[in-house]
Amino acid sequence: MLKIYSDESFVQVHHIKNLLESHNIDCTTRNEGLSSLAGEVPSTECWPELWLIDDRKEQAAMAIIAESKLDRSAQKSDWVCAKCDEKIEAEFEICWQCGSLR
């Protein structure tokens, strides 16, 4: 087995797991219960991890993960509210000025 991915977000780790499994790449998660140790040990050591079952699929898995990261970064761009013309940073889905959705 080979550790292929780790992130502070359980949601992101499970998203990548689902993405890999949709491409017939079996994997398993570890460290999901370690968040309570944060502060006692370095926080990155407590992050959930994704491990490949078959090491031979590493290259394919890494390509899928890299493509996923590119897709996320391409979607993140600042936007202008259609209702009030306020410029909003990419990470926000709701206008802070008027409450309209992106």
C-alpha atoms as a PDB file:
ATOM      1  CA  MET A   1       0.000   0.000   0.000  1.00  0.00           C
ATOM      2  CA  LEU A   2       1.106   3.526  -0.754  1.00  0.00           C
ATOM      3  CA  LYS A   3       0.016   6.856   0.726  1.00  0.00           C
ATOM      4  CA  ILE A   4      -1.211   8.907  -2.210  1.00  0.00           C
ATOM      5  CA  TYR A   5      -2.989  11.920  -0.712  1.00  0.00           C
ATOM      6  CA  SER A   6      -3.567  13.814   2.520  1.00  0.00           C
ATOM      7  CA  ASP A   7      -5.557  16.935   3.310  1.00  0.00           C
ATOM      8  CA  GLU A   8      -6.880  18.663   6.414  1.00  0.00           C
ATOM      9  CA  SER A   9     -10.423  18.308   5.029  1.00  0.00           C
ATOM     10  CA  PHE A  10     -12.203  14.969   5.434  1.00  0.00           C
ATOM     11  CA  VAL A  11     -14.529  16.063   2.659  1.00  0.00           C
ATOM     12  CA  GLN A  12     -11.662  16.624   0.218  1.00  0.00           C
ATOM     13  CA  VAL A  13     -10.028  13.273   1.056  1.00  0.00           C
ATOM     14  CA  HIS A  14     -13.318  11.453   0.499  1.00  0.00           C
ATOM     15  CA  HIS A  15     -13.941  13.388  -2.711  1.00  0.00           C
ATOM     16  CA  ILE A  16     -10.573  12.229  -4.076  1.00  0.00           C
ATOM     17  CA  LYS A  17     -11.292   8.685  -2.854  1.00  0.00           C
ATOM     18  CA  ASN A  18     -14.625   8.659  -4.707  1.00  0.00           C
ATOM     19  CA  LEU A  19     -12.978  10.115  -7.801  1.00  0.00           C
ATOM     20  CA  LEU A  20     -10.269   7.436  -7.832  1.00  0.00           C
ATOM     21  CA  GLU A  21     -12.748   4.646  -7.191  1.00  0.00           C
ATOM     22  CA  SER A  22     -14.860   5.880 -10.103  1.00  0.00           C
ATOM     23  CA  HIS A  23     -11.774   5.122 -12.234  1.00  0.00           C
ATOM     24  CA  ASN A  24     -11.454   1.617 -10.728  1.00  0.00           C
ATOM     25  CA  ILE A  25      -8.549   2.574  -8.472  1.00  0.00           C
ATOM     26  CA  ASP A  26      -9.114   1.000  -5.063  1.00  0.00           C
ATOM     27  CA  CYS A  27      -8.001   2.962  -2.024  1.00  0.00           C
ATOM     28  CA  THR A  28      -8.628   3.260   1.688  1.00  0.00           C
ATOM     29  CA  THR A  29      -8.579   6.074   4.221  1.00  0.00           C
ATOM     30  CA  ARG A  30      -6.547   6.298   7.410  1.00  0.00           C
ATOM     31  CA  ASN A  31      -6.168   8.749  10.321  1.00  0.00           C
ATOM     32  CA  GLU A  32      -9.835   9.748  10.287  1.00  0.00           C
ATOM     33  CA  GLY A  33     -10.027   9.628  14.078  1.00  0.00           C
ATOM     34  CA  LEU A  34      -6.824  11.487  14.865  1.00  0.00           C
ATOM     35  CA  SER A  35      -8.121  15.065  14.745  1.00  0.00           C
ATOM     36  CA  SER A  36      -8.466  15.038  18.535  1.00  0.00           C
ATOM     37  CA  LEU A  37      -4.668  14.723  18.798  1.00  0.00           C
ATOM     38  CA  ALA A  38      -4.037  18.029  17.001  1.00  0.00           C
ATOM     39  CA  GLY A  39      -1.925  20.166  19.289  1.00  0.00           C
ATOM     40  CA  GLU A  40      -0.313  17.148  20.925  1.00  0.00           C
ATOM     41  CA  VAL A  41       1.348  16.166  17.657  1.00  0.00           C
ATOM     42  CA  PRO A  42       1.855  18.249  14.498  1.00  0.00           C
ATOM     43  CA  SER A  43      -1.526  18.915  12.899  1.00  0.00           C
ATOM     44  CA  THR A  44      -0.427  17.566   9.506  1.00  0.00           C
ATOM     45  CA  GLU A  45       0.227  14.201  11.179  1.00  0.00           C
ATOM     46  CA  CYS A  46      -3.465  14.105  12.148  1.00  0.00           C
ATOM     47  CA  TRP A  47      -4.831  14.806   8.676  1.00  0.00           C
ATOM     48  CA  PRO A  48      -6.847  12.048   7.029  1.00  0.00           C
ATOM     49  CA  GLU A  49      -4.847  10.112   4.460  1.00  0.00           C
ATOM     50  CA  LEU A  50      -5.712   8.215   1.314  1.00  0.00           C
ATOM     51  CA  TRP A  51      -3.788   5.035   0.562  1.00  0.00           C
ATOM     52  CA  LEU A  52      -3.687   3.076  -2.699  1.00  0.00           C
ATOM     53  CA  ILE A  53      -4.361  -0.638  -2.429  1.00  0.00           C
ATOM     54  CA  ASP A  54      -2.369  -1.408  -5.600  1.00  0.00           C
ATOM     55  CA  ASP A  55       0.926   0.536  -5.819  1.00  0.00           C
ATOM     56  CA  ARG A  56       1.072  -0.131  -9.570  1.00  0.00           C
ATOM     57  CA  LYS A  57      -1.773   2.362 -10.083  1.00  0.00           C
ATOM     58  CA  GLU A  58       0.187   5.262  -8.564  1.00  0.00           C
ATOM     59  CA  GLN A  59       0.832   7.056 -11.841  1.00  0.00           C
ATOM     60  CA  ALA A  60      -2.820   6.897 -12.912  1.00  0.00           C
ATOM     61  CA  ALA A  61      -3.982   8.021  -9.462  1.00  0.00           C
ATOM     62  CA  MET A  62      -1.583  10.967  -9.393  1.00  0.00           C
ATOM     63  CA  ALA A  63      -2.761  12.079 -12.836  1.00  0.00           C
ATOM     64  CA  ILE A  64      -6.396  12.024 -11.690  1.00  0.00           C
ATOM     65  CA  ILE A  65      -5.546  13.955  -8.519  1.00  0.00           C
ATOM     66  CA  ALA A  66      -3.567  16.553 -10.485  1.00  0.00           C
ATOM     67  CA  GLU A  67      -6.432  16.984 -12.950  1.00  0.00           C
ATOM     68  CA  SER A  68      -8.849  17.428 -10.053  1.00  0.00           C
ATOM     69  CA  LYS A  69      -6.659  20.180  -8.579  1.00  0.00           C
ATOM     70  CA  LEU A  70      -6.489  21.945 -11.953  1.00  0.00           C
ATOM     71  CA  ASP A  71     -10.268  21.788 -12.266  1.00  0.00           C
ATOM     72  CA  ARG A  72     -10.703  23.315  -8.794  1.00  0.00           C
ATOM     73  CA  SER A  73      -8.219  26.123  -9.407  1.00  0.00           C
ATOM     74  CA  ALA A  74      -9.777  26.917 -12.801  1.00  0.00           C
ATOM     75  CA  GLN A  75     -13.176  27.291 -11.164  1.00  0.00           C
ATOM     76  CA  LYS A  76     -11.871  29.696  -8.534  1.00  0.00           C
ATOM     77  CA  SER A  77     -11.933  33.195  -9.910  1.00  0.00           C
ATOM     78  CA  ASP A  78     -13.244  36.448  -8.536  1.00  0.00           C
ATOM     79  CA  TRP A  79     -16.732  37.373  -9.684  1.00  0.00           C
ATOM     80  CA  VAL A  80     -19.008  40.387  -9.891  1.00  0.00           C
ATOM     81  CA  CYS A  81     -22.486  40.236  -8.381  1.00  0.00           C
ATOM     82  CA  ALA A  82     -25.141  40.508 -11.096  1.00  0.00           C
ATOM     83  CA  LYS A  83     -27.509  42.321  -8.742  1.00  0.00           C
ATOM     84  CA  CYS A  84     -25.315  45.017  -7.125  1.00  0.00           C
ATOM     85  CA  ASP A  85     -22.052  44.951  -9.158  1.00  0.00           C
ATOM     86  CA  GLU A  86     -19.950  44.236  -6.059  1.00  0.00           C
ATOM     87  CA  LYS A  87     -16.634  42.464  -6.731  1.00  0.00           C
ATOM     88  CA  ILE A  88     -16.500  39.215  -4.710  1.00  0.00           C
ATOM     89  CA  GLU A  89     -13.494  36.957  -4.063  1.00  0.00           C
ATOM     90  CA  ALA A  90     -13.532  33.495  -5.632  1.00  0.00           C
ATOM     91  CA  GLU A  91     -13.985  31.514  -2.412  1.00  0.00           C
ATOM     92  CA  PHE A  92     -17.366  33.130  -1.722  1.00  0.00           C
ATOM     93  CA  GLU A  93     -20.595  31.878  -3.285  1.00  0.00           C
ATOM     94  CA  ILE A  94     -22.820  34.617  -1.848  1.00  0.00           C
ATOM     95  CA  CYS A  95     -22.461  38.374  -2.284  1.00  0.00           C
ATOM     96  CA  TRP A  96     -21.596  39.959   1.053  1.00  0.00           C
ATOM     97  CA  GLN A  97     -23.245  43.213  -0.024  1.00  0.00           C
ATOM     98  CA  CYS A  98     -26.720  42.050  -1.081  1.00  0.00           C
ATOM     99  CA  GLY A  99     -26.858  38.316  -0.346  1.00  0.00           C
ATOM    100  CA  SER A 100     -27.325  37.187  -3.939  1.00  0.00           C
ATOM    101  CA  LEU A 101     -25.961  33.821  -5.029  1.00  0.00           C
ATOM    102  CA  ARG A 102     -23.007  33.630  -7.403  1.00  0.00           C
END
